[in-house]
């Protein structure tokens, strides 16, 4: 492989290096995202266990404070912060503003959920781009290498395999690198996207349940 790289044309070398760098960065993103999703799932399980344990929501909010560790606790903190602000200003005691409080809390949780998912989905677009373009970039290197092979044939006027084979081998190596970069990127993108979609639905379900709890408490208070 090293010999194929050294014998390749400068354009083909540039294509090979670009594909290797893209593949390296893809694997870095893949490992980072897989570890992140696993960590978030574990922390979400721990938070839900504390949330549904029957303890006071105020105590849970005070314990988490202003430093939530994962998106689900961030949604909880955002909702509780809006609840406390409204209660401190007496908005929860007024008939004119009580009806709009659940809507504001739902809106705050929705905005927080969207912001957290945007952070989690960052750099996934690179995986999609590599998965869709790397084979064509490798194919470009292949075409360029084959063009050089035909030029060698024309220059030497020799059609033997010894003249044609090296250039074709270098060209096909570029296509192989394109596939090596693209296949893991596509598989990982589909896997991570599915996991994040499942996690997003879990956050949406929690936000809906928590919004219902706060709305019920507001009605009981009224």
N, C-alpha and C. Protein backbone atom coordinates (compact mmCIF):
# COMPACT_ATOMS: atom_id res chain seq x y z
N UNK A 1 0.82 -1.21 0.00
CA UNK A 1 0.00 0.00 0.00
C UNK A 1 0.86 1.26 0.00
N UNK A 2 1.94 1.22 0.80
CA UNK A 2 2.82 2.39 0.84
C UNK A 2 3.49 2.60 -0.52
N UNK A 3 3.86 1.51 -1.18
CA UNK A 3 4.47 1.62 -2.50
C UNK A 3 3.47 2.18 -3.52
N UNK A 4 2.22 1.74 -3.42
CA UNK A 4 1.20 2.28 -4.32
C UNK A 4 1.04 3.79 -4.12
N UNK A 5 1.09 4.21 -2.85
CA UNK A 5 0.95 5.64 -2.57
C UNK A 5 2.14 6.43 -3.14
N UNK A 6 3.35 5.90 -2.96
CA UNK A 6 4.54 6.62 -3.41
C UNK A 6 4.61 6.73 -4.92
N UNK A 7 4.13 5.71 -5.63
CA UNK A 7 4.18 5.73 -7.09
C UNK A 7 3.06 6.54 -7.72
N UNK A 8 2.07 6.90 -6.92
CA UNK A 8 0.89 7.58 -7.47
C UNK A 8 1.22 9.00 -7.91
N UNK A 9 0.38 9.51 -8.81
CA UNK A 9 0.48 10.90 -9.26
C UNK A 9 0.16 11.84 -8.10
N UNK A 10 0.61 13.09 -8.19
CA UNK A 10 0.40 14.05 -7.11
C UNK A 10 -1.08 14.27 -6.85
N UNK A 11 -1.89 14.26 -7.89
CA UNK A 11 -3.34 14.44 -7.71
C UNK A 11 -3.92 13.24 -6.97
N UNK A 12 -3.50 12.05 -7.36
CA UNK A 12 -4.00 10.84 -6.70
C UNK A 12 -3.53 10.80 -5.25
N UNK A 13 -2.31 11.25 -5.00
CA UNK A 13 -1.82 11.31 -3.61
C UNK A 13 -2.68 12.26 -2.77
N UNK A 14 -3.03 13.39 -3.36
CA UNK A 14 -3.88 14.35 -2.64
C UNK A 14 -5.24 13.74 -2.32
N UNK A 15 -5.79 13.00 -3.27
CA UNK A 15 -7.08 12.33 -3.05
C UNK A 15 -6.95 11.30 -1.92
N UNK A 16 -5.88 10.52 -1.94
CA UNK A 16 -5.68 9.50 -0.91
C UNK A 16 -5.53 10.12 0.47
N UNK A 17 -4.72 11.17 0.56
CA UNK A 17 -4.52 11.83 1.86
C UNK A 17 -5.83 12.43 2.36
N UNK A 18 -6.60 13.04 1.48
CA UNK A 18 -7.88 13.62 1.88
C UNK A 18 -8.83 12.56 2.41
N UNK A 19 -8.87 11.42 1.75
CA UNK A 19 -9.75 10.35 2.19
C UNK A 19 -9.30 9.76 3.52
N UNK A 20 -7.98 9.64 3.72
CA UNK A 20 -7.48 9.12 4.99
C UNK A 20 -7.79 10.07 6.13
N UNK A 21 -7.63 11.37 5.91
CA UNK A 21 -7.96 12.35 6.94
C UNK A 21 -9.45 12.35 7.25
N UNK A 22 -10.27 12.25 6.20
CA UNK A 22 -11.72 12.20 6.40
C UNK A 22 -12.12 10.96 7.19
N UNK A 23 -11.48 9.83 6.87
CA UNK A 23 -11.79 8.59 7.59
C UNK A 23 -11.38 8.70 9.06
N UNK A 24 -10.21 9.28 9.31
CA UNK A 24 -9.75 9.45 10.69
C UNK A 24 -10.71 10.33 11.49
N UNK A 25 -11.15 11.43 10.90
CA UNK A 25 -12.07 12.34 11.60
C UNK A 25 -13.43 11.68 11.80
N UNK A 26 -13.86 10.87 10.82
CA UNK A 26 -15.14 10.15 10.98
C UNK A 26 -15.08 9.20 12.16
N UNK A 27 -13.98 8.47 12.30
CA UNK A 27 -13.87 7.53 13.42
C UNK A 27 -13.83 8.27 14.75
N UNK A 28 -13.19 9.44 14.77
CA UNK A 28 -13.19 10.24 16.00
C UNK A 28 -14.61 10.66 16.38
N UNK A 29 -15.38 11.10 15.39
CA UNK A 29 -16.78 11.49 15.64
C UNK A 29 -17.60 10.28 16.08
N UNK A 30 -17.38 9.14 15.43
CA UNK A 30 -18.16 7.94 15.75
C UNK A 30 -17.95 7.53 17.20
N UNK A 31 -16.69 7.43 17.62
CA UNK A 31 -16.41 7.03 19.00
C UNK A 31 -16.96 8.05 20.00
N UNK A 32 -16.81 9.32 19.66
CA UNK A 32 -17.30 10.37 20.56
C UNK A 32 -18.82 10.28 20.72
N UNK A 33 -19.54 10.13 19.62
CA UNK A 33 -21.00 10.11 19.68
C UNK A 33 -21.52 8.84 20.36
N UNK A 34 -20.91 7.70 20.07
CA UNK A 34 -21.36 6.46 20.69
C UNK A 34 -21.17 6.50 22.21
N UNK A 35 -20.02 7.00 22.65
CA UNK A 35 -19.78 7.12 24.09
C UNK A 35 -20.72 8.15 24.71
N UNK A 36 -20.99 9.23 23.98
CA UNK A 36 -21.87 10.27 24.49
C UNK A 36 -23.29 9.75 24.66
N UNK A 37 -23.80 9.04 23.68
CA UNK A 37 -25.16 8.50 23.76
C UNK A 37 -25.27 7.50 24.91
N UNK A 38 -24.28 6.65 25.08
CA UNK A 38 -24.30 5.68 26.18
C UNK A 38 -24.29 6.40 27.53
N UNK A 39 -23.46 7.43 27.63
CA UNK A 39 -23.38 8.18 28.87
C UNK A 39 -24.69 8.91 29.17
N UNK A 40 -25.30 9.50 28.14
CA UNK A 40 -26.55 10.22 28.34
C UNK A 40 -27.67 9.28 28.75
N UNK A 41 -27.69 8.09 28.16
CA UNK A 41 -28.72 7.11 28.52
C UNK A 41 -28.60 6.71 29.99
N UNK A 42 -27.37 6.49 30.44
CA UNK A 42 -27.16 6.12 31.84
C UNK A 42 -27.59 7.25 32.78
N UNK A 43 -27.21 8.47 32.45
CA UNK A 43 -27.57 9.61 33.30
C UNK A 43 -29.07 9.87 33.27
N UNK A 44 -29.71 9.65 32.12
CA UNK A 44 -31.15 9.83 32.05
C UNK A 44 -31.86 8.80 32.92
N UNK A 45 -31.37 7.57 32.94
CA UNK A 45 -31.94 6.54 33.82
C UNK A 45 -31.83 6.96 35.28
N UNK A 46 -30.67 7.49 35.66
CA UNK A 46 -30.47 7.92 37.04
C UNK A 46 -31.38 9.09 37.39
N UNK A 47 -31.54 10.03 36.46
CA UNK A 47 -32.40 11.18 36.75
C UNK A 47 -33.86 10.75 36.86
N UNK A 48 -34.32 9.89 35.95
CA UNK A 48 -35.71 9.44 36.01
C UNK A 48 -35.98 8.66 37.29
N UNK A 49 -35.00 7.91 37.74
CA UNK A 49 -35.17 7.17 39.00
C UNK A 49 -35.36 8.14 40.17
N UNK A 50 -34.57 9.24 40.16
CA UNK A 50 -34.72 10.25 41.21
C UNK A 50 -36.03 11.02 41.05
N UNK A 51 -36.42 11.28 39.81
CA UNK A 51 -37.62 12.06 39.55
C UNK A 51 -38.88 11.32 39.98
N UNK A 52 -38.95 10.03 39.65
CA UNK A 52 -40.14 9.24 39.94
C UNK A 52 -40.07 8.54 41.29
N UNK A 53 -39.10 8.89 42.11
CA UNK A 53 -38.97 8.25 43.41
C UNK A 53 -40.01 8.73 44.42
N UNK A 54 -40.75 9.77 44.09
CA UNK A 54 -41.76 10.29 44.99
C UNK A 54 -41.29 11.42 45.87
N UNK A 55 -40.04 11.86 45.67
CA UNK A 55 -39.52 12.96 46.47
C UNK A 55 -40.04 14.31 45.98
N UNK A 56 -39.68 15.34 46.69
CA UNK A 56 -40.13 16.68 46.34
C UNK A 56 -39.40 17.18 45.09
N UNK A 57 -40.18 17.77 44.18
CA UNK A 57 -39.58 18.35 42.99
C UNK A 57 -38.71 19.55 43.34
N UNK A 58 -39.11 20.29 44.36
CA UNK A 58 -38.33 21.45 44.79
C UNK A 58 -36.96 21.01 45.31
N UNK A 59 -36.93 19.93 46.06
CA UNK A 59 -35.65 19.43 46.57
C UNK A 59 -34.77 18.91 45.44
N UNK A 60 -35.40 18.25 44.47
CA UNK A 60 -34.64 17.76 43.32
C UNK A 60 -34.06 18.92 42.53
N UNK A 61 -34.85 19.97 42.37
CA UNK A 61 -34.37 21.16 41.66
C UNK A 61 -33.21 21.82 42.41
N UNK A 62 -33.33 21.93 43.73
CA UNK A 62 -32.26 22.52 44.52
C UNK A 62 -30.99 21.67 44.46
N UNK A 63 -31.17 20.36 44.38
CA UNK A 63 -30.00 19.48 44.34
C UNK A 63 -29.28 19.57 42.99
N UNK A 64 -30.06 19.65 41.92
CA UNK A 64 -29.44 19.77 40.60
C UNK A 64 -28.86 21.17 40.40
N UNK A 65 -29.61 22.17 40.85
CA UNK A 65 -29.13 23.55 40.78
C UNK A 65 -29.05 24.04 39.36
N UNK A 66 -28.09 24.91 39.12
CA UNK A 66 -27.93 25.53 37.80
C UNK A 66 -26.97 24.75 36.91
N UNK A 67 -26.60 23.54 37.32
CA UNK A 67 -25.64 22.76 36.53
C UNK A 67 -26.19 21.38 36.20
N UNK A 68 -27.20 21.31 35.37
CA UNK A 68 -27.72 19.99 34.97
C UNK A 68 -26.67 19.24 34.16
N UNK A 69 -26.65 17.93 34.35
CA UNK A 69 -25.60 17.10 33.75
C UNK A 69 -25.98 16.53 32.40
N UNK A 70 -27.24 16.55 32.05
CA UNK A 70 -27.67 15.97 30.78
C UNK A 70 -28.98 16.63 30.35
N UNK A 71 -29.42 16.41 29.09
CA UNK A 71 -30.57 17.14 28.55
C UNK A 71 -31.86 16.97 29.35
N UNK A 72 -32.13 15.79 29.88
CA UNK A 72 -33.38 15.59 30.60
C UNK A 72 -33.44 16.46 31.86
N UNK A 73 -32.34 16.51 32.60
CA UNK A 73 -32.32 17.39 33.77
C UNK A 73 -32.32 18.85 33.36
N UNK A 74 -31.79 19.17 32.18
CA UNK A 74 -31.85 20.55 31.68
C UNK A 74 -33.29 20.97 31.42
N UNK A 75 -34.07 20.06 30.85
CA UNK A 75 -35.49 20.35 30.61
C UNK A 75 -36.22 20.55 31.94
N UNK A 76 -35.92 19.69 32.90
CA UNK A 76 -36.54 19.81 34.23
C UNK A 76 -36.18 21.14 34.88
N UNK A 77 -34.90 21.52 34.83
CA UNK A 77 -34.46 22.77 35.45
C UNK A 77 -35.10 23.98 34.77
N UNK A 78 -35.18 23.95 33.45
CA UNK A 78 -35.78 25.08 32.73
C UNK A 78 -37.25 25.25 33.11
N UNK A 79 -37.98 24.13 33.21
CA UNK A 79 -39.39 24.21 33.57
C UNK A 79 -39.57 24.68 35.02
N UNK A 80 -38.77 24.14 35.92
CA UNK A 80 -38.88 24.54 37.33
C UNK A 80 -38.48 25.99 37.53
N UNK A 81 -37.50 26.46 36.75
CA UNK A 81 -37.09 27.86 36.87
C UNK A 81 -38.23 28.79 36.44
N UNK A 82 -38.90 28.44 35.35
CA UNK A 82 -40.04 29.24 34.91
C UNK A 82 -41.18 29.17 35.93
N UNK A 83 -41.38 27.99 36.50
CA UNK A 83 -42.42 27.83 37.53
C UNK A 83 -42.12 28.70 38.74
N UNK A 84 -40.89 28.70 39.20
CA UNK A 84 -40.52 29.48 40.38
C UNK A 84 -40.61 30.98 40.10
N UNK A 85 -40.17 31.39 38.93
CA UNK A 85 -40.26 32.81 38.60
C UNK A 85 -41.71 33.29 38.58
N UNK A 86 -42.57 32.49 38.00
CA UNK A 86 -43.98 32.86 37.95
C UNK A 86 -44.59 32.89 39.34
N UNK A 87 -44.21 31.89 40.16
CA UNK A 87 -44.73 31.86 41.53
C UNK A 87 -44.22 33.04 42.35
N UNK A 88 -42.96 33.41 42.14
CA UNK A 88 -42.39 34.54 42.89
C UNK A 88 -43.07 35.85 42.53
N UNK A 89 -43.51 35.99 41.30
CA UNK A 89 -44.19 37.21 40.87
C UNK A 89 -45.70 37.15 41.10
N UNK A 90 -46.17 36.03 41.63
CA UNK A 90 -47.60 35.90 41.89
C UNK A 90 -48.44 35.61 40.67
N UNK A 91 -47.80 35.23 39.56
CA UNK A 91 -48.56 34.97 38.34
C UNK A 91 -49.41 33.71 38.45
N UNK A 92 -48.96 32.76 39.28
CA UNK A 92 -49.71 31.51 39.41
C UNK A 92 -50.98 31.69 40.24
N UNK A 93 -51.11 32.83 40.92
CA UNK A 93 -52.28 33.08 41.76
C UNK A 93 -53.33 33.93 41.06
N UNK A 94 -53.01 34.43 39.89
CA UNK A 94 -53.96 35.28 39.17
C UNK A 94 -54.68 34.47 38.12
N UNK A 95 -55.99 34.68 38.08
CA UNK A 95 -56.78 33.94 37.09
C UNK A 95 -56.40 34.33 35.67
N UNK A 96 -55.99 35.59 35.46
CA UNK A 96 -55.68 36.07 34.12
C UNK A 96 -54.40 35.47 33.55
N UNK A 97 -53.48 35.10 34.42
CA UNK A 97 -52.19 34.58 33.97
C UNK A 97 -52.01 33.10 34.25
N UNK A 98 -52.88 32.51 35.07
CA UNK A 98 -52.73 31.10 35.43
C UNK A 98 -52.89 30.19 34.22
N UNK A 99 -53.81 30.55 33.33
CA UNK A 99 -54.06 29.69 32.17
C UNK A 99 -52.88 29.66 31.20
N UNK A 100 -52.13 30.74 31.14
CA UNK A 100 -51.01 30.80 30.18
C UNK A 100 -49.73 30.21 30.74
N UNK A 101 -49.68 29.95 32.03
CA UNK A 101 -48.45 29.43 32.64
C UNK A 101 -48.06 28.05 32.09
N UNK A 102 -48.99 27.08 31.99
CA UNK A 102 -48.60 25.78 31.41
C UNK A 102 -48.07 25.91 29.98
N UNK A 103 -48.64 26.84 29.21
CA UNK A 103 -48.16 27.03 27.84
C UNK A 103 -46.74 27.58 27.82
N UNK A 104 -46.44 28.51 28.74
CA UNK A 104 -45.09 29.04 28.80
C UNK A 104 -44.10 27.96 29.23
N UNK A 105 -44.49 27.15 30.19
CA UNK A 105 -43.61 26.06 30.65
C UNK A 105 -43.35 25.06 29.52
N UNK A 106 -44.41 24.70 28.78
CA UNK A 106 -44.23 23.78 27.64
C UNK A 106 -43.32 24.40 26.58
N UNK A 107 -43.46 25.70 26.35
CA UNK A 107 -42.62 26.36 25.36
C UNK A 107 -41.16 26.38 25.81
N UNK A 108 -40.94 26.64 27.10
CA UNK A 108 -39.57 26.64 27.63
C UNK A 108 -38.94 25.26 27.50
N UNK A 109 -39.69 24.21 27.82
CA UNK A 109 -39.16 22.86 27.70
C UNK A 109 -38.88 22.50 26.25
N UNK A 110 -39.75 22.95 25.33
CA UNK A 110 -39.55 22.65 23.92
C UNK A 110 -38.29 23.34 23.39
N UNK A 111 -38.09 24.59 23.78
CA UNK A 111 -36.89 25.31 23.34
C UNK A 111 -35.63 24.64 23.90
N UNK A 112 -35.67 24.25 25.17
CA UNK A 112 -34.51 23.60 25.79
C UNK A 112 -34.23 22.26 25.12
N UNK A 113 -35.28 21.51 24.81
CA UNK A 113 -35.10 20.22 24.14
C UNK A 113 -34.45 20.42 22.77
N UNK A 114 -34.95 21.39 22.02
CA UNK A 114 -34.38 21.65 20.70
C UNK A 114 -32.92 22.06 20.76
N UNK A 115 -32.58 22.89 21.73
CA UNK A 115 -31.19 23.33 21.88
C UNK A 115 -30.28 22.18 22.26
N UNK A 116 -30.73 21.32 23.17
CA UNK A 116 -29.92 20.19 23.59
C UNK A 116 -29.72 19.19 22.45
N UNK A 117 -30.76 18.92 21.67
CA UNK A 117 -30.64 17.98 20.56
C UNK A 117 -29.75 18.57 19.46
N UNK A 118 -29.80 19.88 19.28
CA UNK A 118 -28.91 20.50 18.30
C UNK A 118 -27.44 20.29 18.67
N UNK A 119 -27.13 20.38 19.95
CA UNK A 119 -25.77 20.14 20.40
C UNK A 119 -25.36 18.68 20.20
N UNK A 120 -26.30 17.77 20.46
CA UNK A 120 -25.98 16.34 20.31
C UNK A 120 -25.79 15.96 18.84
N UNK A 121 -26.50 16.61 17.93
CA UNK A 121 -26.44 16.26 16.52
C UNK A 121 -25.32 16.98 15.79
N UNK A 122 -24.56 17.80 16.50
CA UNK A 122 -23.46 18.53 15.87
C UNK A 122 -22.41 17.55 15.34
N UNK A 123 -21.91 17.83 14.15
CA UNK A 123 -20.89 17.06 13.43
C UNK A 123 -21.41 15.77 12.81
N UNK A 124 -22.69 15.47 13.01
CA UNK A 124 -23.24 14.30 12.30
C UNK A 124 -23.32 14.55 10.81
N UNK A 125 -23.49 15.81 10.42
CA UNK A 125 -23.53 16.13 9.00
C UNK A 125 -22.25 15.77 8.28
N UNK A 126 -21.12 15.81 9.00
CA UNK A 126 -19.86 15.42 8.37
C UNK A 126 -19.87 13.94 8.00
N UNK A 127 -20.43 13.11 8.88
CA UNK A 127 -20.53 11.68 8.56
C UNK A 127 -21.38 11.47 7.30
N UNK A 128 -22.49 12.19 7.22
CA UNK A 128 -23.35 12.05 6.06
C UNK A 128 -22.63 12.52 4.79
N UNK A 129 -21.89 13.61 4.90
CA UNK A 129 -21.18 14.14 3.73
C UNK A 129 -20.11 13.17 3.25
N UNK A 130 -19.34 12.62 4.19
CA UNK A 130 -18.30 11.66 3.82
C UNK A 130 -18.91 10.41 3.22
N UNK A 131 -20.01 9.95 3.83
CA UNK A 131 -20.64 8.74 3.33
C UNK A 131 -21.16 8.88 1.91
N UNK A 132 -21.57 10.09 1.54
CA UNK A 132 -22.14 10.29 0.20
C UNK A 132 -21.10 10.73 -0.83
N UNK A 133 -20.02 11.36 -0.41
CA UNK A 133 -19.06 11.92 -1.37
C UNK A 133 -17.76 11.14 -1.47
N UNK A 134 -17.37 10.41 -0.42
CA UNK A 134 -16.07 9.72 -0.44
C UNK A 134 -15.94 8.74 -1.62
N UNK A 135 -16.97 7.93 -1.95
CA UNK A 135 -16.79 7.04 -3.12
C UNK A 135 -16.53 7.80 -4.41
N UNK A 136 -17.16 8.95 -4.57
CA UNK A 136 -16.96 9.73 -5.80
C UNK A 136 -15.59 10.40 -5.82
N UNK A 137 -15.11 10.81 -4.64
CA UNK A 137 -13.76 11.37 -4.58
C UNK A 137 -12.74 10.29 -4.92
N UNK A 138 -12.93 9.08 -4.36
CA UNK A 138 -12.05 7.98 -4.72
C UNK A 138 -12.14 7.63 -6.19
N UNK A 139 -13.35 7.72 -6.75
CA UNK A 139 -13.53 7.44 -8.17
C UNK A 139 -12.80 8.48 -9.03
N UNK A 140 -12.79 9.72 -8.56
CA UNK A 140 -12.03 10.75 -9.27
C UNK A 140 -10.55 10.39 -9.32
N UNK A 141 -10.01 9.94 -8.16
CA UNK A 141 -8.62 9.49 -8.15
C UNK A 141 -8.39 8.31 -9.08
N UNK A 142 -9.37 7.41 -9.16
CA UNK A 142 -9.25 6.26 -10.05
C UNK A 142 -9.21 6.69 -11.51
N UNK A 143 -10.11 7.58 -11.88
CA UNK A 143 -10.15 8.07 -13.26
C UNK A 143 -8.85 8.77 -13.62
N UNK A 144 -8.35 9.57 -12.69
CA UNK A 144 -7.11 10.29 -12.96
C UNK A 144 -5.94 9.31 -13.13
N UNK A 145 -5.89 8.27 -12.29
CA UNK A 145 -4.83 7.28 -12.40
C UNK A 145 -4.90 6.50 -13.70
N UNK A 146 -6.11 6.15 -14.12
CA UNK A 146 -6.27 5.42 -15.38
C UNK A 146 -5.87 6.31 -16.56
N UNK A 147 -6.18 7.59 -16.49
CA UNK A 147 -5.75 8.52 -17.54
C UNK A 147 -4.22 8.53 -17.65
N UNK A 148 -3.53 8.53 -16.49
CA UNK A 148 -2.07 8.48 -16.52
C UNK A 148 -1.56 7.18 -17.12
N UNK A 149 -2.28 6.09 -16.86
CA UNK A 149 -1.88 4.80 -17.43
C UNK A 149 -1.97 4.82 -18.95
N UNK A 150 -3.03 5.38 -19.46
CA UNK A 150 -3.16 5.47 -20.91
C UNK A 150 -2.11 6.40 -21.51
N UNK A 151 -1.76 7.45 -20.77
CA UNK A 151 -0.70 8.32 -21.25
C UNK A 151 0.64 7.57 -21.29
N UNK A 152 0.86 6.70 -20.30
CA UNK A 152 2.09 5.90 -20.30
C UNK A 152 2.11 4.95 -21.50
N UNK A 153 0.96 4.38 -21.82
CA UNK A 153 0.87 3.51 -22.98
C UNK A 153 1.20 4.29 -24.25
N UNK A 154 0.64 5.50 -24.34
CA UNK A 154 0.89 6.31 -25.54
C UNK A 154 2.35 6.73 -25.63
N UNK A 155 2.97 7.01 -24.51
CA UNK A 155 4.36 7.48 -24.53
C UNK A 155 5.33 6.36 -24.85
N UNK A 156 5.08 5.17 -24.29
CA UNK A 156 6.01 4.06 -24.50
C UNK A 156 5.62 3.19 -25.69
N UNK A 157 4.38 3.35 -26.17
CA UNK A 157 3.86 2.51 -27.25
C UNK A 157 3.98 1.03 -26.91
N UNK A 158 3.70 0.78 -25.63
CA UNK A 158 3.80 -0.59 -25.14
C UNK A 158 2.51 -0.90 -24.38
N UNK A 159 1.79 -1.89 -24.80
CA UNK A 159 0.50 -2.24 -24.17
C UNK A 159 0.63 -3.44 -23.24
N UNK A 160 1.81 -3.79 -22.84
CA UNK A 160 1.98 -4.94 -21.95
C UNK A 160 1.43 -4.63 -20.57
N UNK A 161 1.13 -5.68 -19.84
CA UNK A 161 0.55 -5.53 -18.51
C UNK A 161 1.51 -4.84 -17.54
N UNK A 162 2.80 -5.01 -17.77
CA UNK A 162 3.79 -4.41 -16.89
C UNK A 162 3.74 -2.88 -16.94
N UNK A 163 3.32 -2.35 -18.07
CA UNK A 163 3.23 -0.90 -18.21
C UNK A 163 1.91 -0.38 -17.64
N UNK A 164 0.83 -1.10 -17.86
CA UNK A 164 -0.51 -0.62 -17.50
C UNK A 164 -0.83 -0.91 -16.03
N UNK A 165 -0.38 -2.05 -15.51
CA UNK A 165 -0.82 -2.51 -14.19
C UNK A 165 -0.50 -1.54 -13.06
N UNK A 166 0.71 -0.96 -12.96
CA UNK A 166 0.98 -0.08 -11.82
C UNK A 166 0.02 1.10 -11.72
N UNK A 167 -0.22 1.78 -12.82
CA UNK A 167 -1.13 2.92 -12.78
C UNK A 167 -2.55 2.52 -12.41
N UNK A 168 -3.01 1.38 -12.94
CA UNK A 168 -4.37 0.92 -12.62
C UNK A 168 -4.46 0.53 -11.14
N UNK A 169 -3.41 -0.10 -10.62
CA UNK A 169 -3.42 -0.49 -9.21
C UNK A 169 -3.49 0.75 -8.31
N UNK A 170 -2.72 1.78 -8.65
CA UNK A 170 -2.78 3.02 -7.86
C UNK A 170 -4.17 3.63 -7.94
N UNK A 171 -4.77 3.59 -9.14
CA UNK A 171 -6.09 4.18 -9.32
C UNK A 171 -7.15 3.43 -8.50
N UNK A 172 -7.09 2.10 -8.55
CA UNK A 172 -8.06 1.31 -7.79
C UNK A 172 -7.86 1.47 -6.28
N UNK A 173 -6.64 1.73 -5.86
CA UNK A 173 -6.37 1.96 -4.44
C UNK A 173 -7.10 3.19 -3.95
N UNK A 174 -7.20 4.22 -4.79
CA UNK A 174 -7.95 5.43 -4.42
C UNK A 174 -9.43 5.11 -4.23
N UNK A 175 -9.98 4.26 -5.10
CA UNK A 175 -11.39 3.87 -4.93
C UNK A 175 -11.58 3.08 -3.65
N UNK A 176 -10.64 2.20 -3.34
CA UNK A 176 -10.74 1.41 -2.12
C UNK A 176 -10.73 2.32 -0.89
N UNK A 177 -9.87 3.34 -0.89
CA UNK A 177 -9.84 4.27 0.24
C UNK A 177 -11.16 5.03 0.36
N UNK A 178 -11.75 5.37 -0.78
CA UNK A 178 -13.05 6.04 -0.75
C UNK A 178 -14.11 5.18 -0.09
N UNK A 179 -14.11 3.89 -0.40
CA UNK A 179 -15.08 2.98 0.23
C UNK A 179 -14.77 2.77 1.71
N UNK A 180 -13.48 2.70 2.04
CA UNK A 180 -13.10 2.54 3.45
C UNK A 180 -13.58 3.73 4.28
N UNK A 181 -13.56 4.91 3.70
CA UNK A 181 -14.04 6.09 4.42
C UNK A 181 -15.56 6.17 4.45
N UNK A 182 -16.22 5.75 3.36
CA UNK A 182 -17.66 5.95 3.22
C UNK A 182 -18.49 4.92 3.99
N UNK A 183 -18.10 3.66 3.93
CA UNK A 183 -18.94 2.61 4.51
C UNK A 183 -19.11 2.77 6.02
N UNK A 184 -18.04 2.93 6.81
CA UNK A 184 -18.25 3.15 8.24
C UNK A 184 -19.03 4.43 8.55
N UNK A 185 -18.81 5.47 7.73
CA UNK A 185 -19.51 6.74 7.97
C UNK A 185 -21.02 6.56 7.79
N UNK A 186 -21.43 5.84 6.76
CA UNK A 186 -22.86 5.63 6.51
C UNK A 186 -23.49 4.77 7.61
N UNK A 187 -22.82 3.67 7.95
CA UNK A 187 -23.34 2.77 8.99
C UNK A 187 -23.47 3.51 10.32
N UNK A 188 -22.40 4.24 10.69
CA UNK A 188 -22.42 4.95 11.96
C UNK A 188 -23.46 6.07 11.96
N UNK A 189 -23.61 6.75 10.84
CA UNK A 189 -24.60 7.83 10.77
C UNK A 189 -26.01 7.29 11.00
N UNK A 190 -26.33 6.18 10.35
CA UNK A 190 -27.66 5.59 10.55
C UNK A 190 -27.86 5.12 11.99
N UNK A 191 -26.83 4.50 12.55
CA UNK A 191 -26.92 4.00 13.93
C UNK A 191 -27.09 5.15 14.92
N UNK A 192 -26.23 6.17 14.82
CA UNK A 192 -26.27 7.29 15.77
C UNK A 192 -27.55 8.09 15.59
N UNK A 193 -27.97 8.30 14.36
CA UNK A 193 -29.21 9.04 14.12
C UNK A 193 -30.40 8.32 14.73
N UNK A 194 -30.44 7.00 14.60
CA UNK A 194 -31.54 6.23 15.20
C UNK A 194 -31.51 6.34 16.72
N UNK A 195 -30.32 6.24 17.31
CA UNK A 195 -30.21 6.35 18.77
C UNK A 195 -30.63 7.74 19.25
N UNK A 196 -30.24 8.78 18.53
CA UNK A 196 -30.60 10.14 18.92
C UNK A 196 -32.09 10.40 18.74
N UNK A 197 -32.69 9.83 17.70
CA UNK A 197 -34.14 9.97 17.52
C UNK A 197 -34.89 9.29 18.68
N UNK A 198 -34.40 8.12 19.07
CA UNK A 198 -35.02 7.42 20.20
C UNK A 198 -34.86 8.23 21.49
N UNK A 199 -33.69 8.82 21.66
CA UNK A 199 -33.45 9.63 22.86
C UNK A 199 -34.28 10.91 22.83
N UNK A 200 -34.45 11.50 21.65
CA UNK A 200 -35.28 12.70 21.53
C UNK A 200 -36.73 12.41 21.89
N UNK A 201 -37.24 11.27 21.44
CA UNK A 201 -38.62 10.90 21.80
C UNK A 201 -38.75 10.67 23.31
N UNK A 202 -37.71 10.12 23.91
CA UNK A 202 -37.72 9.94 25.37
C UNK A 202 -37.79 11.29 26.07
N UNK A 203 -37.04 12.27 25.59
CA UNK A 203 -37.09 13.61 26.17
C UNK A 203 -38.46 14.25 25.96
N UNK A 204 -39.04 14.05 24.78
CA UNK A 204 -40.37 14.61 24.51
C UNK A 204 -41.41 13.99 25.44
N UNK A 205 -41.32 12.69 25.67
CA UNK A 205 -42.26 12.04 26.57
C UNK A 205 -42.12 12.57 28.00
N UNK A 206 -40.86 12.75 28.42
CA UNK A 206 -40.65 13.29 29.77
C UNK A 206 -41.19 14.71 29.88
N UNK A 207 -40.94 15.54 28.86
CA UNK A 207 -41.44 16.91 28.89
C UNK A 207 -42.97 16.94 28.95
N UNK A 208 -43.61 16.04 28.20
CA UNK A 208 -45.06 15.99 28.24
C UNK A 208 -45.59 15.55 29.59
N UNK A 209 -44.96 14.54 30.18
CA UNK A 209 -45.39 14.07 31.50
C UNK A 209 -45.15 15.13 32.58
N UNK A 210 -44.00 15.78 32.52
CA UNK A 210 -43.69 16.79 33.52
C UNK A 210 -44.61 17.99 33.37
N UNK A 211 -44.91 18.37 32.13
CA UNK A 211 -45.85 19.46 31.90
C UNK A 211 -47.23 19.14 32.45
N UNK A 212 -47.64 17.87 32.31
CA UNK A 212 -48.94 17.47 32.86
C UNK A 212 -48.93 17.52 34.38
N UNK A 213 -47.82 17.14 35.00
CA UNK A 213 -47.71 17.19 36.47
C UNK A 213 -47.83 18.63 36.96
N UNK A 214 -47.10 19.54 36.33
CA UNK A 214 -47.16 20.94 36.76
C UNK A 214 -48.53 21.55 36.51
N UNK A 215 -49.16 21.18 35.39
CA UNK A 215 -50.51 21.69 35.13
C UNK A 215 -51.51 21.19 36.16
N UNK A 216 -51.37 19.92 36.55
CA UNK A 216 -52.27 19.38 37.57
C UNK A 216 -52.06 20.06 38.92
N UNK A 217 -50.79 20.29 39.27
CA UNK A 217 -50.53 21.00 40.53
C UNK A 217 -51.09 22.42 40.50
N UNK A 218 -51.04 23.05 39.34
CA UNK A 218 -51.59 24.40 39.23
C UNK A 218 -53.10 24.39 39.40
N UNK A 219 -53.76 23.39 38.83
CA UNK A 219 -55.21 23.30 38.98
C UNK A 219 -55.59 22.98 40.42
N UNK A 220 -54.81 22.12 41.07
CA UNK A 220 -55.10 21.81 42.46
C UNK A 220 -54.91 23.04 43.35
N UNK A 221 -53.89 23.83 43.03
CA UNK A 221 -53.66 25.04 43.79
C UNK A 221 -54.79 26.05 43.60
N UNK A 222 -55.31 26.08 42.36
CA UNK A 222 -56.42 27.01 42.09
C UNK A 222 -57.69 26.55 42.81
